[in-house]
């Protein structure tokens, strides 16, 4: 039987013996409580914020949105660059399955550092939802949106605390690249309706996100098979987490694009058929009128 005392001792052992000593003193890394508290505060603000804005006018924060999105583009560009330099362009780094390197050498520490920045960027991205709340864009605050934003900081706190390196490079680097594109889209959209003609690629952003999750899923499954020294428990957790995103994003893509496209085609066929009936009826009335006149003459 698990007792409170045993759980407490197990927790203390994990925090002392299983964590990465290099990251333990970094901001928000000493304990899970600050991150958990921030996530709980985020959820409270999202729920209460929508209630608070219910009878208020949506805020016009165009300039704030543009600055925020541009800053996120630059931050993700920096993160992606750091992942490139420490893993993708590092000839000693095994791109198929890289074990954890807990040494204090320059590149492993640099990789751990960019993992922390990636984690911290997920806390900054709480602002995505807060902007939706303030602008009363409640339809954008879906279960998928809130689930993704509230779980990513928790997942990556664990990553930075225990395994800031090794196989962590893949999901961080791909996701930061996708976010460069995504926040570039949001930056352009915030500029106003005149930019709509340049935003035709929104649908492809969702498709890229799905490609991202399938890539991470396949790569992680293969690294589990190779078992190169990176803790497979974290790999299995990532596989389960990514599968939840594949399911949710696939459903979002179907509901937003596939189902909508089918509905529009069906409506177009019905409208076409209705116009044809009206046209035929009109022609029939016209012909009847003309024939009557001819007969009278």
C-alpha atoms as a PDB file:
ATOM      1  CA  UNK A   1       0.000   0.000   0.000  1.00  0.00           C
ATOM      2  CA  UNK A   2       1.165   3.463  -0.919  1.00  0.00           C
ATOM      3  CA  UNK A   3       1.120   5.805   2.080  1.00  0.00           C
ATOM      4  CA  UNK A   4       1.542   9.570   2.168  1.00  0.00           C
ATOM      5  CA  UNK A   5       4.914   9.093   3.841  1.00  0.00           C
ATOM      6  CA  UNK A   6       6.127   6.721   1.148  1.00  0.00           C
ATOM      7  CA  UNK A   7       4.970   9.037  -1.629  1.00  0.00           C
ATOM      8  CA  UNK A   8       6.787  11.893   0.084  1.00  0.00           C
ATOM      9  CA  UNK A   9      10.012   9.874   0.350  1.00  0.00           C
ATOM     10  CA  UNK A  10       9.749   8.693  -3.262  1.00  0.00           C
ATOM     11  CA  UNK A  11       9.220  12.266  -4.408  1.00  0.00           C
ATOM     12  CA  UNK A  12      12.252  13.472  -2.442  1.00  0.00           C
ATOM     13  CA  UNK A  13      14.378  10.664  -3.850  1.00  0.00           C
ATOM     14  CA  UNK A  14      13.354  11.486  -7.412  1.00  0.00           C
ATOM     15  CA  UNK A  15      14.004  15.198  -6.955  1.00  0.00           C
ATOM     16  CA  UNK A  16      17.443  14.550  -5.426  1.00  0.00           C
ATOM     17  CA  UNK A  17      18.735  11.545  -7.340  1.00  0.00           C
ATOM     18  CA  UNK A  18      16.963  11.349 -10.723  1.00  0.00           C
ATOM     19  CA  UNK A  19      17.046  14.980 -11.835  1.00  0.00           C
ATOM     20  CA  UNK A  20      19.634  16.706 -13.995  1.00  0.00           C
ATOM     21  CA  UNK A  21      21.893  18.701 -11.622  1.00  0.00           C
ATOM     22  CA  UNK A  22      22.769  21.123 -14.405  1.00  0.00           C
ATOM     23  CA  UNK A  23      19.213  22.491 -14.642  1.00  0.00           C
ATOM     24  CA  UNK A  24      18.059  22.214 -11.023  1.00  0.00           C
ATOM     25  CA  UNK A  25      18.968  25.803 -10.157  1.00  0.00           C
ATOM     26  CA  UNK A  26      17.443  27.350 -13.278  1.00  0.00           C
ATOM     27  CA  UNK A  27      14.323  29.525 -13.166  1.00  0.00           C
ATOM     28  CA  UNK A  28      11.164  27.498 -12.247  1.00  0.00           C
ATOM     29  CA  UNK A  29      13.136  24.242 -12.164  1.00  0.00           C
ATOM     30  CA  UNK A  30      13.601  23.659  -8.427  1.00  0.00           C
ATOM     31  CA  UNK A  31      10.098  22.236  -7.977  1.00  0.00           C
ATOM     32  CA  UNK A  32       7.064  21.369 -10.124  1.00  0.00           C
ATOM     33  CA  UNK A  33       4.857  23.604  -7.940  1.00  0.00           C
ATOM     34  CA  UNK A  34       5.540  26.922  -9.749  1.00  0.00           C
ATOM     35  CA  UNK A  35       4.714  25.400 -13.145  1.00  0.00           C
ATOM     36  CA  UNK A  36       1.659  23.546 -11.838  1.00  0.00           C
ATOM     37  CA  UNK A  37       0.500  26.763 -10.141  1.00  0.00           C
ATOM     38  CA  UNK A  38       0.934  28.753 -13.370  1.00  0.00           C
ATOM     39  CA  UNK A  39      -1.097  26.174 -15.307  1.00  0.00           C
ATOM     40  CA  UNK A  40      -3.884  26.258 -12.693  1.00  0.00           C
ATOM     41  CA  UNK A  41      -3.847  30.070 -12.764  1.00  0.00           C
ATOM     42  CA  UNK A  42      -4.024  29.937 -16.565  1.00  0.00           C
ATOM     43  CA  UNK A  43      -7.116  27.708 -16.468  1.00  0.00           C
ATOM     44  CA  UNK A  44      -8.797  29.930 -13.862  1.00  0.00           C
ATOM     45  CA  UNK A  45      -8.131  33.078 -15.896  1.00  0.00           C
ATOM     46  CA  UNK A  46      -9.435  31.458 -19.074  1.00  0.00           C
ATOM     47  CA  UNK A  47     -12.693  30.390 -17.409  1.00  0.00           C
ATOM     48  CA  UNK A  48     -13.241  33.504 -15.309  1.00  0.00           C
ATOM     49  CA  UNK A  49     -11.976  35.804 -18.055  1.00  0.00           C
ATOM     50  CA  UNK A  50     -14.695  34.683 -20.462  1.00  0.00           C
ATOM     51  CA  UNK A  51     -17.306  35.313 -17.766  1.00  0.00           C
ATOM     52  CA  UNK A  52     -15.824  38.726 -16.981  1.00  0.00           C
ATOM     53  CA  UNK A  53     -15.840  39.727 -20.674  1.00  0.00           C
ATOM     54  CA  UNK A  54     -19.363  38.436 -21.300  1.00  0.00           C
ATOM     55  CA  UNK A  55     -21.062  41.843 -20.848  1.00  0.00           C
ATOM     56  CA  UNK A  56     -18.093  43.939 -21.895  1.00  0.00           C
ATOM     57  CA  UNK A  57     -16.969  45.178 -25.265  1.00  0.00           C
ATOM     58  CA  UNK A  58     -14.177  43.276 -27.010  1.00  0.00           C
ATOM     59  CA  UNK A  59     -10.852  45.072 -26.705  1.00  0.00           C
ATOM     60  CA  UNK A  60      -9.066  46.456 -29.751  1.00  0.00           C
ATOM     61  CA  UNK A  61      -5.437  45.442 -29.192  1.00  0.00           C
ATOM     62  CA  UNK A  62      -4.074  45.328 -32.741  1.00  0.00           C
ATOM     63  CA  UNK A  63      -0.686  46.854 -31.893  1.00  0.00           C
ATOM     64  CA  UNK A  64      -0.254  44.615 -28.860  1.00  0.00           C
ATOM     65  CA  UNK A  65      -1.045  41.546 -30.948  1.00  0.00           C
ATOM     66  CA  UNK A  66       1.440  42.532 -33.631  1.00  0.00           C
ATOM     67  CA  UNK A  67       4.231  43.113 -31.101  1.00  0.00           C
ATOM     68  CA  UNK A  68       3.456  39.871 -29.250  1.00  0.00           C
ATOM     69  CA  UNK A  69       3.368  37.736 -32.399  1.00  0.00           C
ATOM     70  CA  UNK A  70       6.549  39.292 -33.771  1.00  0.00           C
ATOM     71  CA  UNK A  71       8.327  38.595 -30.467  1.00  0.00           C
ATOM     72  CA  UNK A  72       7.184  34.958 -30.608  1.00  0.00           C
ATOM     73  CA  UNK A  73       8.479  34.661 -34.173  1.00  0.00           C
ATOM     74  CA  UNK A  74      11.894  35.918 -33.049  1.00  0.00           C
ATOM     75  CA  UNK A  75      11.949  33.760 -29.909  1.00  0.00           C
ATOM     76  CA  UNK A  76      11.090  30.596 -31.842  1.00  0.00           C
ATOM     77  CA  UNK A  77      13.642  31.486 -34.513  1.00  0.00           C
ATOM     78  CA  UNK A  78      16.297  31.695 -31.773  1.00  0.00           C
ATOM     79  CA  UNK A  79      15.156  28.370 -30.278  1.00  0.00           C
ATOM     80  CA  UNK A  80      15.157  26.662 -33.668  1.00  0.00           C
ATOM     81  CA  UNK A  81      18.639  28.028 -34.426  1.00  0.00           C
ATOM     82  CA  UNK A  82      19.971  26.696 -31.120  1.00  0.00           C
ATOM     83  CA  UNK A  83      18.481  23.249 -31.770  1.00  0.00           C
ATOM     84  CA  UNK A  84      20.071  23.281 -35.232  1.00  0.00           C
ATOM     85  CA  UNK A  85      23.520  24.134 -33.879  1.00  0.00           C
ATOM     86  CA  UNK A  86      23.455  21.667 -30.975  1.00  0.00           C
ATOM     87  CA  UNK A  87      21.872  18.663 -32.708  1.00  0.00           C
ATOM     88  CA  UNK A  88      20.993  18.754 -36.403  1.00  0.00           C
ATOM     89  CA  UNK A  89      24.297  20.341 -37.494  1.00  0.00           C
ATOM     90  CA  UNK A  90      26.350  18.570 -34.844  1.00  0.00           C
ATOM     91  CA  UNK A  91      28.140  15.661 -36.617  1.00  0.00           C
ATOM     92  CA  UNK A  92      28.628  13.816 -33.318  1.00  0.00           C
ATOM     93  CA  UNK A  93      24.901  13.873 -32.572  1.00  0.00           C
ATOM     94  CA  UNK A  94      22.946  10.731 -33.518  1.00  0.00           C
ATOM     95  CA  UNK A  95      19.794  11.952 -35.260  1.00  0.00           C
ATOM     96  CA  UNK A  96      18.125   8.508 -35.115  1.00  0.00           C
ATOM     97  CA  UNK A  97      18.522   7.889 -31.404  1.00  0.00           C
ATOM     98  CA  UNK A  98      20.674  10.038 -29.147  1.00  0.00           C
ATOM     99  CA  UNK A  99      21.364   9.058 -25.554  1.00  0.00           C
ATOM    100  CA  UNK A 100      21.404  11.604 -22.745  1.00  0.00           C
ATOM    101  CA  UNK A 101      24.653  13.455 -22.138  1.00  0.00           C
ATOM    102  CA  UNK A 102      24.689  14.920 -18.614  1.00  0.00           C
ATOM    103  CA  UNK A 103      28.216  16.294 -18.944  1.00  0.00           C
ATOM    104  CA  UNK A 104      29.132  19.950 -18.538  1.00  0.00           C
ATOM    105  CA  UNK A 105      30.663  20.129 -22.020  1.00  0.00           C
ATOM    106  CA  UNK A 106      29.661  23.156 -24.080  1.00  0.00           C
ATOM    107  CA  UNK A 107      27.229  21.563 -26.562  1.00  0.00           C
ATOM    108  CA  UNK A 108      25.283  19.372 -24.094  1.00  0.00           C
ATOM    109  CA  UNK A 109      24.824  22.353 -21.758  1.00  0.00           C
ATOM    110  CA  UNK A 110      23.815  24.530 -24.699  1.00  0.00           C
ATOM    111  CA  UNK A 111      21.238  21.908 -25.717  1.00  0.00           C
ATOM    112  CA  UNK A 112      19.879  21.776 -22.172  1.00  0.00           C
ATOM    113  CA  UNK A 113      19.664  25.569 -22.192  1.00  0.00           C
ATOM    114  CA  UNK A 114      17.596  25.688 -25.389  1.00  0.00           C
ATOM    115  CA  UNK A 115      15.309  22.997 -23.966  1.00  0.00           C
ATOM    116  CA  UNK A 116      14.685  25.360 -21.045  1.00  0.00           C
ATOM    117  CA  UNK A 117      13.913  28.237 -23.411  1.00  0.00           C
ATOM    118  CA  UNK A 118      11.490  26.022 -25.285  1.00  0.00           C
ATOM    119  CA  UNK A 119       9.779  25.146 -21.987  1.00  0.00           C
ATOM    120  CA  UNK A 120       9.612  28.818 -20.990  1.00  0.00           C
ATOM    121  CA  UNK A 121       8.157  29.788 -24.373  1.00  0.00           C
ATOM    122  CA  UNK A 122       5.188  27.534 -23.592  1.00  0.00           C
ATOM    123  CA  UNK A 123       4.424  29.632 -20.517  1.00  0.00           C
ATOM    124  CA  UNK A 124       4.681  32.823 -22.571  1.00  0.00           C
ATOM    125  CA  UNK A 125       2.211  31.284 -25.036  1.00  0.00           C
ATOM    126  CA  UNK A 126      -0.505  31.412 -22.368  1.00  0.00           C
ATOM    127  CA  UNK A 127      -0.958  34.903 -23.802  1.00  0.00           C
ATOM    128  CA  UNK A 128      -2.461  33.338 -26.957  1.00  0.00           C
ATOM    129  CA  UNK A 129      -5.552  32.398 -24.964  1.00  0.00           C
ATOM    130  CA  UNK A 130      -5.635  35.611 -22.929  1.00  0.00           C
ATOM    131  CA  UNK A 131      -5.760  37.623 -26.165  1.00  0.00           C
ATOM    132  CA  UNK A 132      -8.682  35.472 -27.352  1.00  0.00           C
ATOM    133  CA  UNK A 133     -10.467  36.172 -24.064  1.00  0.00           C
ATOM    134  CA  UNK A 134      -9.913  39.932 -24.251  1.00  0.00           C
ATOM    135  CA  UNK A 135     -11.049  40.042 -27.883  1.00  0.00           C
ATOM    136  CA  UNK A 136     -14.052  37.794 -27.106  1.00  0.00           C
ATOM    137  CA  UNK A 137     -12.917  35.202 -29.643  1.00  0.00           C
ATOM    138  CA  UNK A 138     -14.437  32.430 -27.535  1.00  0.00           C
ATOM    139  CA  UNK A 139     -14.879  30.063 -30.486  1.00  0.00           C
ATOM    140  CA  UNK A 140     -11.092  29.918 -30.711  1.00  0.00           C
ATOM    141  CA  UNK A 141     -10.846  28.723 -27.102  1.00  0.00           C
ATOM    142  CA  UNK A 142     -11.557  25.086 -27.915  1.00  0.00           C
ATOM    143  CA  UNK A 143     -10.746  22.013 -25.857  1.00  0.00           C
ATOM    144  CA  UNK A 144      -7.811  21.331 -28.203  1.00  0.00           C
ATOM    145  CA  UNK A 145      -6.443  24.839 -27.694  1.00  0.00           C
ATOM    146  CA  UNK A 146      -6.674  24.778 -23.885  1.00  0.00           C
ATOM    147  CA  UNK A 147      -5.459  21.171 -23.633  1.00  0.00           C
ATOM    148  CA  UNK A 148      -2.384  21.924 -25.716  1.00  0.00           C
ATOM    149  CA  UNK A 149      -1.497  25.163 -23.906  1.00  0.00           C
ATOM    150  CA  UNK A 150      -2.007  23.769 -20.413  1.00  0.00           C
ATOM    151  CA  UNK A 151      -0.129  20.478 -20.878  1.00  0.00           C
ATOM    152  CA  UNK A 152       2.941  21.588 -22.839  1.00  0.00           C
ATOM    153  CA  UNK A 153       4.566  23.463 -19.903  1.00  0.00           C
ATOM    154  CA  UNK A 154       4.029  20.427 -17.662  1.00  0.00           C
ATOM    155  CA  UNK A 155       5.487  18.032 -20.218  1.00  0.00           C
ATOM    156  CA  UNK A 156       8.506  20.214 -20.859  1.00  0.00           C
ATOM    157  CA  UNK A 157       9.131  20.965 -17.185  1.00  0.00           C
ATOM    158  CA  UNK A 158       9.635  17.204 -16.792  1.00  0.00           C
ATOM    159  CA  UNK A 159      11.833  17.189 -19.885  1.00  0.00           C
ATOM    160  CA  UNK A 160      14.101  20.006 -18.680  1.00  0.00           C
ATOM    161  CA  UNK A 161      14.220  18.666 -15.128  1.00  0.00           C
ATOM    162  CA  UNK A 162      15.166  15.098 -16.056  1.00  0.00           C
ATOM    163  CA  UNK A 163      16.156  14.760 -19.739  1.00  0.00           C
ATOM    164  CA  UNK A 164      17.130  18.134 -21.262  1.00  0.00           C
ATOM    165  CA  UNK A 165      18.861  16.742 -24.307  1.00  0.00           C
ATOM    166  CA  UNK A 166      19.139  13.516 -26.235  1.00  0.00           C
ATOM    167  CA  UNK A 167      15.891  12.666 -28.028  1.00  0.00           C
ATOM    168  CA  UNK A 168      14.249  15.827 -26.686  1.00  0.00           C
ATOM    169  CA  UNK A 169      15.868  17.692 -29.577  1.00  0.00           C
ATOM    170  CA  UNK A 170      13.421  16.424 -32.206  1.00  0.00           C
ATOM    171  CA  UNK A 171      10.053  17.564 -30.854  1.00  0.00           C
ATOM    172  CA  UNK A 172      11.515  20.882 -29.673  1.00  0.00           C
ATOM    173  CA  UNK A 173      13.173  21.731 -32.972  1.00  0.00           C
ATOM    174  CA  UNK A 174      10.229  20.737 -35.181  1.00  0.00           C
ATOM    175  CA  UNK A 175       7.699  22.507 -32.982  1.00  0.00           C
ATOM    176  CA  UNK A 176       9.738  25.718 -32.812  1.00  0.00           C
ATOM    177  CA  UNK A 177       9.990  25.736 -36.634  1.00  0.00           C
ATOM    178  CA  UNK A 178       6.211  25.270 -36.964  1.00  0.00           C
ATOM    179  CA  UNK A 179       5.718  28.118 -34.498  1.00  0.00           C
ATOM    180  CA  UNK A 180       7.879  30.454 -36.581  1.00  0.00           C
ATOM    181  CA  UNK A 181       5.379  29.958 -39.410  1.00  0.00           C
ATOM    182  CA  UNK A 182       2.343  30.051 -37.138  1.00  0.00           C
ATOM    183  CA  UNK A 183       3.214  33.311 -35.378  1.00  0.00           C
ATOM    184  CA  UNK A 184       4.223  34.845 -38.712  1.00  0.00           C
ATOM    185  CA  UNK A 185       0.685  34.055 -39.878  1.00  0.00           C
ATOM    186  CA  UNK A 186      -0.806  35.593 -36.719  1.00  0.00           C
ATOM    187  CA  UNK A 187       1.411  38.674 -37.131  1.00  0.00           C
ATOM    188  CA  UNK A 188       0.163  39.240 -40.676  1.00  0.00           C
ATOM    189  CA  UNK A 189      -3.456  38.559 -39.668  1.00  0.00           C
ATOM    190  CA  UNK A 190      -3.212  41.144 -36.873  1.00  0.00           C
ATOM    191  CA  UNK A 191      -2.301  43.814 -39.424  1.00  0.00           C
ATOM    192  CA  UNK A 192      -5.888  43.904 -40.673  1.00  0.00           C
ATOM    193  CA  UNK A 193      -8.261  42.744 -43.452  1.00  0.00           C
ATOM    194  CA  UNK A 194      -5.948  44.060 -46.169  1.00  0.00           C
ATOM    195  CA  UNK A 195      -3.622  41.139 -45.443  1.00  0.00           C
ATOM    196  CA  UNK A 196      -6.247  38.440 -46.020  1.00  0.00           C
ATOM    197  CA  UNK A 197      -5.121  37.869 -49.610  1.00  0.00           C
ATOM    198  CA  UNK A 198      -1.705  36.833 -48.266  1.00  0.00           C
ATOM    199  CA  UNK A 199      -3.128  34.368 -45.716  1.00  0.00           C
ATOM    200  CA  UNK A 200      -4.315  31.608 -48.047  1.00  0.00           C
ATOM    201  CA  UNK A 201      -1.998  29.106 -46.359  1.00  0.00           C
ATOM    202  CA  UNK A 202      -3.908  28.772 -43.061  1.00  0.00           C
ATOM    203  CA  UNK A 203      -5.185  25.289 -43.933  1.00  0.00           C
ATOM    204  CA  UNK A 204      -1.663  24.121 -44.663  1.00  0.00           C
ATOM    205  CA  UNK A 205      -0.550  25.208 -41.181  1.00  0.00           C
ATOM    206  CA  UNK A 206      -2.865  22.603 -39.638  1.00  0.00           C
ATOM    207  CA  UNK A 207      -1.618  20.006 -42.126  1.00  0.00           C
ATOM    208  CA  UNK A 208       1.990  20.822 -41.156  1.00  0.00           C
ATOM    209  CA  UNK A 209       1.116  20.396 -37.496  1.00  0.00           C
ATOM    210  CA  UNK A 210      -0.267  16.932 -38.235  1.00  0.00           C
ATOM    211  CA  UNK A 211       2.881  16.054 -40.215  1.00  0.00           C
ATOM    212  CA  UNK A 212       4.870  17.249 -37.193  1.00  0.00           C
ATOM    213  CA  UNK A 213       3.037  14.922 -34.797  1.00  0.00           C
ATOM    214  CA  UNK A 214       3.290  11.895 -37.091  1.00  0.00           C
ATOM    215  CA  UNK A 215       7.005  12.567 -37.589  1.00  0.00           C
ATOM    216  CA  UNK A 216       7.591  12.762 -33.835  1.00  0.00           C
ATOM    217  CA  UNK A 217       5.480   9.642 -33.276  1.00  0.00           C
ATOM    218  CA  UNK A 218       7.395   7.600 -35.889  1.00  0.00           C
ATOM    219  CA  UNK A 219      10.807   8.806 -34.784  1.00  0.00           C
ATOM    220  CA  UNK A 220      10.084   8.202 -31.099  1.00  0.00           C
ATOM    221  CA  UNK A 221       8.710   4.722 -31.767  1.00  0.00           C
ATOM    222  CA  UNK A 222      11.889   3.910 -33.716  1.00  0.00           C
ATOM    223  CA  UNK A 223      14.119   5.243 -30.922  1.00  0.00           C
ATOM    224  CA  UNK A 224      12.239   2.980 -28.486  1.00  0.00           C
ATOM    225  CA  UNK A 225      13.063   0.068 -30.784  1.00  0.00           C
ATOM    226  CA  UNK A 226      16.741   1.082 -30.982  1.00  0.00           C
ATOM    227  CA  UNK A 227      16.936   1.669 -27.199  1.00  0.00           C
ATOM    228  CA  UNK A 228      20.115   3.713 -27.452  1.00  0.00           C
ATOM    229  CA  UNK A 229      20.306   4.851 -23.834  1.00  0.00           C
ATOM    230  CA  UNK A 230      17.724   7.625 -23.754  1.00  0.00           C
ATOM    231  CA  UNK A 231      15.180   6.640 -21.034  1.00  0.00           C
ATOM    232  CA  UNK A 232      12.371   4.820 -22.829  1.00  0.00           C
ATOM    233  CA  UNK A 233       9.856   5.760 -20.149  1.00  0.00           C
ATOM    234  CA  UNK A 234       9.961   9.340 -21.440  1.00  0.00           C
ATOM    235  CA  UNK A 235       9.702   8.086 -25.012  1.00  0.00           C
ATOM    236  CA  UNK A 236       6.565   6.079 -24.194  1.00  0.00           C
ATOM    237  CA  UNK A 237       5.042   9.086 -22.442  1.00  0.00           C
ATOM    238  CA  UNK A 238       5.756  11.208 -25.515  1.00  0.00           C
ATOM    239  CA  UNK A 239       4.196   8.608 -27.818  1.00  0.00           C
ATOM    240  CA  UNK A 240       0.964   8.656 -25.780  1.00  0.00           C
ATOM    241  CA  UNK A 241       0.942  12.448 -25.641  1.00  0.00           C
ATOM    242  CA  UNK A 242       1.540  12.817 -29.367  1.00  0.00           C
ATOM    243  CA  UNK A 243      -1.222  10.314 -30.131  1.00  0.00           C
ATOM    244  CA  UNK A 244      -3.696  12.505 -28.231  1.00  0.00           C
ATOM    245  CA  UNK A 245      -2.646  15.458 -30.409  1.00  0.00           C
ATOM    246  CA  UNK A 246      -2.913  13.429 -33.608  1.00  0.00           C
ATOM    247  CA  UNK A 247      -6.482  12.496 -32.688  1.00  0.00           C
ATOM    248  CA  UNK A 248      -7.481  16.041 -31.700  1.00  0.00           C
ATOM    249  CA  UNK A 249      -5.790  17.793 -34.626  1.00  0.00           C
ATOM    250  CA  UNK A 250      -7.195  15.269 -37.119  1.00  0.00           C
ATOM    251  CA  UNK A 251     -10.681  15.918 -35.764  1.00  0.00           C
ATOM    252  CA  UNK A 252     -10.065  19.684 -35.952  1.00  0.00           C
ATOM    253  CA  UNK A 253      -8.852  19.407 -39.556  1.00  0.00           C
ATOM    254  CA  UNK A 254     -11.860  17.305 -40.540  1.00  0.00           C
ATOM    255  CA  UNK A 255     -14.386  19.603 -38.855  1.00  0.00           C
ATOM    256  CA  UNK A 256     -12.770  22.824 -40.084  1.00  0.00           C
ATOM    257  CA  UNK A 257     -11.734  21.964 -43.616  1.00  0.00           C
ATOM    258  CA  UNK A 258     -12.904  18.567 -44.897  1.00  0.00           C
ATOM    259  CA  UNK A 259     -16.453  18.649 -43.508  1.00  0.00           C
ATOM    260  CA  UNK A 260     -16.833  22.350 -44.317  1.00  0.00           C
ATOM    261  CA  UNK A 261     -15.674  21.769 -47.908  1.00  0.00           C
ATOM    262  CA  UNK A 262     -18.172  18.914 -48.325  1.00  0.00           C
ATOM    263  CA  UNK A 263     -20.947  21.085 -46.886  1.00  0.00           C
ATOM    264  CA  UNK A 264     -20.104  23.923 -49.281  1.00  0.00           C
ATOM    265  CA  UNK A 265     -20.094  21.566 -52.283  1.00  0.00           C
ATOM    266  CA  UNK A 266     -23.464  20.119 -51.258  1.00  0.00           C
ATOM    267  CA  UNK A 267     -24.882  23.624 -50.804  1.00  0.00           C
ATOM    268  CA  UNK A 268     -23.488  24.683 -54.192  1.00  0.00           C
ATOM    269  CA  UNK A 269     -25.154  21.688 -55.880  1.00  0.00           C
ATOM    270  CA  UNK A 270     -28.467  22.447 -54.170  1.00  0.00           C
ATOM    271  CA  UNK A 271     -28.231  26.137 -55.082  1.00  0.00           C
ATOM    272  CA  UNK A 272     -27.414  25.189 -58.669  1.00  0.00           C
ATOM    273  CA  UNK A 273     -30.378  22.838 -58.825  1.00  0.00           C
ATOM    274  CA  UNK A 274     -32.666  25.483 -57.312  1.00  0.00           C
ATOM    275  CA  UNK A 275     -31.523  28.098 -59.816  1.00  0.00           C
ATOM    276  CA  UNK A 276     -32.143  25.646 -62.652  1.00  0.00           C
ATOM    277  CA  UNK A 277     -35.710  24.966 -61.426  1.00  0.00           C
ATOM    278  CA  UNK A 278     -36.417  28.689 -61.125  1.00  0.00           C
ATOM    279  CA  UNK A 279     -34.943  29.343 -64.578  1.00  0.00           C
ATOM    280  CA  UNK A 280     -36.947  26.519 -66.153  1.00  0.00           C
ATOM    281  CA  UNK A 281     -40.129  27.723 -64.447  1.00  0.00           C
ATOM    282  CA  UNK A 282     -39.477  31.270 -65.610  1.00  0.00           C
ATOM    283  CA  UNK A 283     -38.882  30.094 -69.166  1.00  0.00           C
ATOM    284  CA  UNK A 284     -42.050  28.018 -69.011  1.00  0.00           C
ATOM    285  CA  UNK A 285     -44.121  31.022 -67.859  1.00  0.00           C
ATOM    286  CA  UNK A 286     -42.569  33.225 -70.527  1.00  0.00           C
ATOM    287  CA  UNK A 287     -43.242  30.699 -73.264  1.00  0.00           C
ATOM    288  CA  UNK A 288     -46.815  30.252 -72.083  1.00  0.00           C
ATOM    289  CA  UNK A 289     -47.377  34.008 -72.128  1.00  0.00           C
ATOM    290  CA  UNK A 290     -45.893  34.317 -75.610  1.00  0.00           C
ATOM    291  CA  UNK A 291     -47.950  31.416 -76.928  1.00  0.00           C
ATOM    292  CA  UNK A 292     -51.169  32.949 -75.571  1.00  0.00           C
ATOM    293  CA  UNK A 293     -50.391  36.212 -77.294  1.00  0.00           C
ATOM    294  CA  UNK A 294     -49.697  34.348 -80.542  1.00  0.00           C
ATOM    295  CA  UNK A 295     -52.982  32.485 -80.291  1.00  0.00           C
ATOM    296  CA  UNK A 296     -54.911  35.720 -79.639  1.00  0.00           C
ATOM    297  CA  UNK A 297     -53.359  37.276 -82.742  1.00  0.00           C
END
